[in-house]
C-alpha atoms as a PDB file:
ATOM      1  CA  MET A   1     -13.820 -39.197-108.345  1.00  0.00           C
ATOM      2  CA  LEU A   2     -17.211 -38.954-106.665  1.00  0.00           C
ATOM      3  CA  GLN A   3     -20.135 -38.566-109.048  1.00  0.00           C
ATOM      4  CA  GLN A   4     -21.616 -35.179-108.204  1.00  0.00           C
ATOM      5  CA  ASN A   5     -25.338 -34.382-108.042  1.00  0.00           C
ATOM      6  CA  PHE A   6     -25.393 -31.144-110.044  1.00  0.00           C
ATOM      7  CA  ALA A   7     -29.199 -30.907-109.808  1.00  0.00           C
ATOM      8  CA  GLN A   8     -28.799 -30.688-106.040  1.00  0.00           C
ATOM      9  CA  ARG A   9     -26.023 -28.103-106.279  1.00  0.00           C
ATOM     10  CA  LYS A  10     -27.553 -25.653-108.765  1.00  0.00           C
ATOM     11  CA  PRO A  11     -30.195 -24.213-106.375  1.00  0.00           C
ATOM     12  CA  ARG A  12     -27.449 -23.035-104.000  1.00  0.00           C
ATOM     13  CA  ALA A  13     -26.452 -20.219-106.358  1.00  0.00           C
ATOM     14  CA  GLY A  14     -27.583 -16.786-105.232  1.00  0.00           C
ATOM     15  CA  LYS A  15     -28.527 -17.889-101.708  1.00  0.00           C
ATOM     16  CA  GLY A  16     -25.396 -16.739 -99.906  1.00  0.00           C
ATOM     17  CA  LEU A  17     -24.064 -20.263 -99.505  1.00  0.00           C
ATOM     18  CA  LEU A  18     -21.102 -19.849-101.872  1.00  0.00           C
ATOM     19  CA  PRO A  19     -18.233 -17.372-101.475  1.00  0.00           C
ATOM     20  CA  PRO A  20     -17.186 -14.863-104.171  1.00  0.00           C
ATOM     21  CA  ASN A  21     -14.349 -17.192-105.175  1.00  0.00           C
ATOM     22  CA  PRO A  22     -15.346 -19.605-107.977  1.00  0.00           C
ATOM     23  CA  LYS A  23     -12.128 -21.579-107.528  1.00  0.00           C
ATOM     24  CA  GLN A  24     -13.439 -22.617-104.109  1.00  0.00           C
ATOM     25  CA  TRP A  25     -16.930 -23.656-105.202  1.00  0.00           C
ATOM     26  CA  GLY A  26     -16.101 -27.322-105.715  1.00  0.00           C
ATOM     27  CA  ASN A  27     -14.914 -27.621-102.130  1.00  0.00           C
ATOM     28  CA  GLU A  28     -17.898 -25.635-100.874  1.00  0.00           C
ATOM     29  CA  HIS A  29     -20.312 -27.939-102.682  1.00  0.00           C
ATOM     30  CA  ASN A  30     -18.533 -31.022-101.342  1.00  0.00           C
ATOM     31  CA  ALA A  31     -18.941 -29.635 -97.834  1.00  0.00           C
ATOM     32  CA  LEU A  32     -22.579 -28.627 -98.276  1.00  0.00           C
ATOM     33  CA  ASP A  33     -23.410 -32.000 -99.831  1.00  0.00           C
ATOM     34  CA  LEU A  34     -22.146 -33.660 -96.651  1.00  0.00           C
ATOM     35  CA  ARG A  35     -23.952 -31.288 -94.312  1.00  0.00           C
ATOM     36  CA  ASP A  36     -27.178 -31.756 -96.292  1.00  0.00           C
ATOM     37  CA  THR A  37     -26.804 -35.533 -96.014  1.00  0.00           C
ATOM     38  CA  LEU A  38     -26.344 -35.221 -92.252  1.00  0.00           C
ATOM     39  CA  ASN A  39     -29.209 -32.705 -92.045  1.00  0.00           C
ATOM     40  CA  LEU A  40     -26.985 -30.178 -90.278  1.00  0.00           C
ATOM     41  CA  ALA A  41     -27.918 -26.525 -89.952  1.00  0.00           C
ATOM     42  CA  ILE A  42     -25.348 -24.061 -91.208  1.00  0.00           C
ATOM     43  CA  ASP A  43     -24.414 -23.084 -87.637  1.00  0.00           C
ATOM     44  CA  ALA A  44     -24.294 -26.631 -86.212  1.00  0.00           C
ATOM     45  CA  ARG A  45     -21.033 -28.284 -85.275  1.00  0.00           C
ATOM     46  CA  LEU A  46     -20.057 -31.156 -87.516  1.00  0.00           C
ATOM     47  CA  CYS A  47     -19.131 -34.418 -85.791  1.00  0.00           C
ATOM     48  CA  PRO A  48     -16.467 -36.297 -87.788  1.00  0.00           C
ATOM     49  CA  GLU A  49     -17.710 -39.588 -86.357  1.00  0.00           C
ATOM     50  CA  ALA A  50     -21.123 -38.962 -87.911  1.00  0.00           C
ATOM     51  CA  ALA A  51     -19.488 -38.289 -91.268  1.00  0.00           C
ATOM     52  CA  PHE A  52     -17.522 -41.537 -91.166  1.00  0.00           C
ATOM     53  CA  GLU A  53     -20.698 -43.471 -90.463  1.00  0.00           C
ATOM     54  CA  LEU A  54     -21.656 -42.687 -94.060  1.00  0.00           C
ATOM     55  CA  LEU A  55     -18.659 -44.631 -95.369  1.00  0.00           C
ATOM     56  CA  PRO A  56     -18.931 -48.424 -95.325  1.00  0.00           C
ATOM     57  CA  ASP A  57     -16.048 -50.547 -94.087  1.00  0.00           C
ATOM     58  CA  VAL A  58     -14.017 -47.710 -92.576  1.00  0.00           C
ATOM     59  CA  ILE A  59     -12.471 -47.972 -89.109  1.00  0.00           C
ATOM     60  CA  VAL A  60     -11.070 -44.855 -87.384  1.00  0.00           C
ATOM     61  CA  VAL A  61      -8.526 -45.231 -84.574  1.00  0.00           C
ATOM     62  CA  PRO A  62      -5.860 -43.129 -82.830  1.00  0.00           C
ATOM     63  CA  HIS A  63      -2.443 -44.531 -83.611  1.00  0.00           C
ATOM     64  CA  GLY A  64      -1.700 -45.117 -79.933  1.00  0.00           C
ATOM     65  CA  GLU A  65      -4.453 -47.753 -79.779  1.00  0.00           C
ATOM     66  CA  ILE A  66      -2.929 -49.880 -82.531  1.00  0.00           C
ATOM     67  CA  PRO A  67      -1.119 -52.823 -80.911  1.00  0.00           C
ATOM     68  CA  MET A  68       2.586 -52.154 -81.359  1.00  0.00           C
ATOM     69  CA  ALA A  69       5.727 -51.666 -79.334  1.00  0.00           C
ATOM     70  CA  GLN A  70       6.017 -48.351 -77.492  1.00  0.00           C
ATOM     71  CA  ILE A  71       9.134 -47.498 -79.482  1.00  0.00           C
ATOM     72  CA  HIS A  72       7.049 -47.418 -82.652  1.00  0.00           C
ATOM     73  CA  ILE A  73       4.290 -45.338 -81.040  1.00  0.00           C
ATOM     74  CA  ASP A  74       6.907 -42.846 -79.840  1.00  0.00           C
ATOM     75  CA  HIS A  75       8.418 -42.716 -83.332  1.00  0.00           C
ATOM     76  CA  PHE A  76       5.191 -41.194 -84.624  1.00  0.00           C
ATOM     77  CA  ARG A  77       4.767 -38.862 -81.639  1.00  0.00           C
ATOM     78  CA  LYS A  78       8.235 -37.491 -81.003  1.00  0.00           C
ATOM     79  CA  GLN A  79      10.564 -38.011 -83.935  1.00  0.00           C
ATOM     80  CA  GLY A  80      10.598 -37.000 -87.581  1.00  0.00           C
ATOM     81  CA  LEU A  81       6.925 -37.778 -88.115  1.00  0.00           C
ATOM     82  CA  ARG A  82       5.576 -35.859 -85.124  1.00  0.00           C
ATOM     83  CA  ASN A  83       3.828 -33.434 -87.481  1.00  0.00           C
ATOM     84  CA  TRP A  84       1.992 -36.109 -89.451  1.00  0.00           C
ATOM     85  CA  SER A  85      -1.757 -35.849 -89.007  1.00  0.00           C
ATOM     86  CA  GLY A  86      -3.591 -38.852 -90.432  1.00  0.00           C
ATOM     87  CA  VAL A  87      -3.551 -41.576 -93.025  1.00  0.00           C
ATOM     88  CA  GLY A  88      -6.013 -43.959 -94.642  1.00  0.00           C
ATOM     89  CA  ILE A  89      -4.672 -47.486 -95.068  1.00  0.00           C
ATOM     90  CA  PRO A  90      -6.421 -49.876 -97.490  1.00  0.00           C
ATOM     91  CA  LEU A  91      -6.687 -53.343 -95.937  1.00  0.00           C
ATOM     92  CA  PRO A  92      -6.642 -56.707 -97.754  1.00  0.00           C
ATOM     93  CA  ASP A  93     -10.330 -57.350 -97.025  1.00  0.00           C
ATOM     94  CA  GLY A  94     -11.359 -54.173 -98.876  1.00  0.00           C
ATOM     95  CA  SER A  95     -11.927 -52.057 -95.780  1.00  0.00           C
ATOM     96  CA  THR A  96      -9.945 -48.951 -94.840  1.00  0.00           C
ATOM     97  CA  LEU A  97      -8.188 -48.135 -91.586  1.00  0.00           C
ATOM     98  CA  VAL A  98      -7.991 -44.394 -90.860  1.00  0.00           C
ATOM     99  CA  VAL A  99      -5.287 -43.643 -88.304  1.00  0.00           C
ATOM    100  CA  PHE A 100      -4.756 -40.225 -86.738  1.00  0.00           C
ATOM    101  CA  ASN A 101      -1.999 -38.748 -84.592  1.00  0.00           C
ATOM    102  CA  ASP A 102      -3.317 -38.789 -81.035  1.00  0.00           C
ATOM    103  CA  ALA A 103      -0.580 -36.394 -79.888  1.00  0.00           C
ATOM    104  CA  HIS A 104      -2.302 -33.509 -81.652  1.00  0.00           C
ATOM    105  CA  PRO A 105      -4.851 -31.155 -80.042  1.00  0.00           C
ATOM    106  CA  PRO A 106      -8.512 -32.196 -80.431  1.00  0.00           C
ATOM    107  CA  LYS A 107      -9.333 -29.322 -82.808  1.00  0.00           C
ATOM    108  CA  ARG A 108      -6.523 -30.313 -85.138  1.00  0.00           C
ATOM    109  CA  ILE A 109      -7.672 -33.939 -84.982  1.00  0.00           C
ATOM    110  CA  ARG A 110     -11.164 -32.868 -86.083  1.00  0.00           C
ATOM    111  CA  SER A 111      -9.653 -31.144 -89.110  1.00  0.00           C
ATOM    112  CA  THR A 112      -7.461 -34.156 -89.840  1.00  0.00           C
ATOM    113  CA  LEU A 113     -10.382 -36.558 -89.712  1.00  0.00           C
ATOM    114  CA  MET A 114     -12.449 -34.448 -92.092  1.00  0.00           C
ATOM    115  CA  GLU A 115      -9.551 -34.271 -94.533  1.00  0.00           C
ATOM    116  CA  GLU A 116      -9.202 -38.050 -94.432  1.00  0.00           C
ATOM    117  CA  PHE A 117     -12.973 -38.417 -94.790  1.00  0.00           C
ATOM    118  CA  PHE A 118     -12.967 -36.438 -98.019  1.00  0.00           C
ATOM    119  CA  HIS A 119      -9.991 -38.361 -99.397  1.00  0.00           C
ATOM    120  CA  LEU A 120     -12.196 -41.444 -99.091  1.00  0.00           C
ATOM    121  CA  ARG A 121     -15.497 -39.848-100.101  1.00  0.00           C
ATOM    122  CA  LEU A 122     -13.939 -38.335-103.216  1.00  0.00           C
ATOM    123  CA  LYS A 123     -12.117 -41.594-103.994  1.00  0.00           C
ATOM    124  CA  HIS A 124      -8.665 -40.051-104.115  1.00  0.00           C
ATOM    125  CA  PRO A 125      -5.809 -42.440-104.933  1.00  0.00           C
ATOM    126  CA  PRO A 126      -3.768 -43.222-101.809  1.00  0.00           C
ATOM    127  CA  SER A 127      -0.309 -41.791-101.274  1.00  0.00           C
ATOM    128  CA  VAL A 128       2.808 -43.918-100.986  1.00  0.00           C
ATOM    129  CA  VAL A 129       4.094 -43.545 -97.417  1.00  0.00           C
ATOM    130  CA  ARG A 130       7.578 -44.313 -96.072  1.00  0.00           C
ATOM    131  CA  VAL A 131       7.254 -44.457 -92.291  1.00  0.00           C
ATOM    132  CA  TYR A 132      10.928 -44.978 -91.449  1.00  0.00           C
ATOM    133  CA  ASN A 133      12.706 -42.706 -93.858  1.00  0.00           C
ATOM    134  CA  ASP A 134      16.045 -41.168 -92.914  1.00  0.00           C
ATOM    135  CA  LYS A 135      16.163 -38.766 -95.841  1.00  0.00           C
ATOM    136  CA  GLY A 136      13.967 -37.512 -98.600  1.00  0.00           C
ATOM    137  CA  ALA A 137      10.185 -37.279 -98.656  1.00  0.00           C
ATOM    138  CA  PHE A 138       8.056 -39.399 -96.338  1.00  0.00           C
ATOM    139  CA  ARG A 139       5.377 -39.700 -99.022  1.00  0.00           C
ATOM    140  CA  ASN A 140       4.482 -38.656-102.509  1.00  0.00           C
ATOM    141  CA  TYR A 141       2.384 -35.495-102.658  1.00  0.00           C
ATOM    142  CA  ASP A 142      -0.327 -34.302-105.038  1.00  0.00           C
ATOM    143  CA  GLY A 143      -1.161 -30.693-104.237  1.00  0.00           C
ATOM    144  CA  ALA A 144      -4.489 -30.691-106.073  1.00  0.00           C
ATOM    145  CA  ILE A 145      -5.736 -33.783-104.241  1.00  0.00           C
ATOM    146  CA  GLU A 146      -4.535 -32.586-100.844  1.00  0.00           C
ATOM    147  CA  GLY A 147      -6.021 -29.146-101.456  1.00  0.00           C
ATOM    148  CA  GLU A 148      -9.393 -30.589-102.387  1.00  0.00           C
ATOM    149  CA  ALA A 149      -9.542 -32.862 -99.341  1.00  0.00           C
ATOM    150  CA  TYR A 150      -8.393 -30.232 -96.850  1.00  0.00           C
ATOM    151  CA  GLY A 151     -10.467 -27.463 -98.429  1.00  0.00           C
ATOM    152  CA  SER A 152     -13.619 -29.586 -98.445  1.00  0.00           C
ATOM    153  CA  GLY A 153     -13.063 -30.702 -94.854  1.00  0.00           C
ATOM    154  CA  ALA A 154     -12.452 -27.146 -93.665  1.00  0.00           C
ATOM    155  CA  ALA A 155     -15.589 -25.927 -95.462  1.00  0.00           C
ATOM    156  CA  ALA A 156     -17.635 -28.710 -93.877  1.00  0.00           C
ATOM    157  CA  LEU A 157     -16.433 -27.759 -90.406  1.00  0.00           C
ATOM    158  CA  LEU A 158     -16.893 -24.012 -90.976  1.00  0.00           C
ATOM    159  CA  PRO A 159     -19.479 -23.192 -93.681  1.00  0.00           C
ATOM    160  CA  TYR A 160     -19.116 -19.932 -95.595  1.00  0.00           C
ATOM    161  CA  ALA A 161     -22.604 -18.636 -94.765  1.00  0.00           C
ATOM    162  CA  TYR A 162     -21.984 -19.027 -91.038  1.00  0.00           C
ATOM    163  CA  LEU A 163     -18.490 -17.521 -91.228  1.00  0.00           C
ATOM    164  CA  LYS A 164     -19.790 -14.533 -93.195  1.00  0.00           C
ATOM    165  CA  ARG A 165     -22.554 -13.930 -90.659  1.00  0.00           C
ATOM    166  CA  MET A 166     -20.125 -14.047 -87.757  1.00  0.00           C
ATOM    167  CA  VAL A 167     -17.674 -11.717 -89.510  1.00  0.00           C
ATOM    168  CA  GLU A 168     -20.460  -9.248 -90.250  1.00  0.00           C
ATOM    169  CA  GLU A 169     -21.452  -9.355 -86.572  1.00  0.00           C
ATOM    170  CA  GLY A 170     -17.887  -8.421 -85.640  1.00  0.00           C
ATOM    171  CA  ARG A 171     -17.005 -11.742 -84.014  1.00  0.00           C
ATOM    172  CA  SER A 172     -13.320 -12.449 -83.591  1.00  0.00           C
ATOM    173  CA  ALA A 173     -11.433 -15.415 -85.027  1.00  0.00           C
ATOM    174  CA  GLY A 174     -11.174 -16.925 -81.553  1.00  0.00           C
ATOM    175  CA  VAL A 175     -14.890 -16.653 -80.889  1.00  0.00           C
ATOM    176  CA  ILE A 176     -15.698 -18.245 -84.249  1.00  0.00           C
ATOM    177  CA  ALA A 177     -13.185 -21.027 -83.640  1.00  0.00           C
ATOM    178  CA  ASN A 178     -14.643 -21.867 -80.230  1.00  0.00           C
ATOM    179  CA  ALA A 179     -18.207 -21.773 -81.518  1.00  0.00           C
ATOM    180  CA  MET A 180     -17.512 -24.387 -84.187  1.00  0.00           C
ATOM    181  CA  ASP A 181     -14.801 -26.297 -82.270  1.00  0.00           C
ATOM    182  CA  VAL A 182     -12.067 -25.613 -84.815  1.00  0.00           C
ATOM    183  CA  SER A 183      -8.637 -24.001 -84.600  1.00  0.00           C
ATOM    184  CA  THR A 184      -8.055 -20.314 -85.261  1.00  0.00           C
ATOM    185  CA  ASP A 185      -5.706 -21.397 -88.060  1.00  0.00           C
ATOM    186  CA  LEU A 186      -8.661 -23.055 -89.787  1.00  0.00           C
ATOM    187  CA  VAL A 187     -10.751 -19.886 -89.319  1.00  0.00           C
ATOM    188  CA  PHE A 188      -7.984 -17.823 -90.929  1.00  0.00           C
ATOM    189  CA  PHE A 189      -7.711 -20.305 -93.794  1.00  0.00           C
ATOM    190  CA  ARG A 190     -11.454 -20.216 -94.422  1.00  0.00           C
ATOM    191  CA  ALA A 191     -11.511 -16.431 -94.226  1.00  0.00           C
ATOM    192  CA  LYS A 192      -8.762 -16.196 -96.841  1.00  0.00           C
ATOM    193  CA  VAL A 193     -10.276 -18.594 -99.386  1.00  0.00           C
ATOM    194  CA  THR A 194     -13.749 -17.068 -98.980  1.00  0.00           C
ATOM    195  CA  LYS A 195     -12.534 -13.462 -99.335  1.00  0.00           C
ATOM    196  CA  LEU A 196     -13.466 -12.507 -95.773  1.00  0.00           C
ATOM    197  CA  TYR A 197      -9.972 -12.165 -94.319  1.00  0.00           C
ATOM    198  CA  GLN A 198      -9.731  -8.368 -94.511  1.00  0.00           C
ATOM    199  CA  ARG A 199     -12.960  -8.017 -92.528  1.00  0.00           C
ATOM    200  CA  LEU A 200     -12.194 -10.673 -89.907  1.00  0.00           C
ATOM    201  CA  ARG A 201     -11.379  -9.497 -86.391  1.00  0.00           C
ATOM    202  CA  ARG A 202      -8.094 -11.097 -85.326  1.00  0.00           C
ATOM    203  CA  ASN A 203      -8.853 -10.864 -81.609  1.00  0.00           C
END
């Protein structure tokens, strides 16, 4: 796991940067650590490409740009794996190839890339993936690891302090989503884990 800078995190308490949900604070700190490193204001859009520039020896590509037969590209777009989002593949030279599903909408891809970024930043062990699997699971699954990576990525894309401000101003989920270039599903997720869901305008 990533060694955390607790001296950097302690001053955030009591400044409205953390939600009233202590179970979420680890993810919130992970997200704020990244935004601090990138010198991003709380209301600034996060660019996944800028985040990946912080990781050495990582290459990010859409799966359709990987040289392969069209039948294999279509397998990942149209068949049983059409809902897969992204994967990090360790390479023999020590680098990592991050591949994302280019059939997904851009806002979902942004979320996918941030989830994969935090898998790498937090040094999560890779999953075992079965790409041509007729039955059973396509990969092993660790809920705690996946929750940490997705939760941290979502918090980085949509910080609590900004979400709270927008909710208090009466902004709708759609307006918030467009402002930060994320999906409304991600806004709803963030509102739930930060205890803002009951106050969020749905439309």
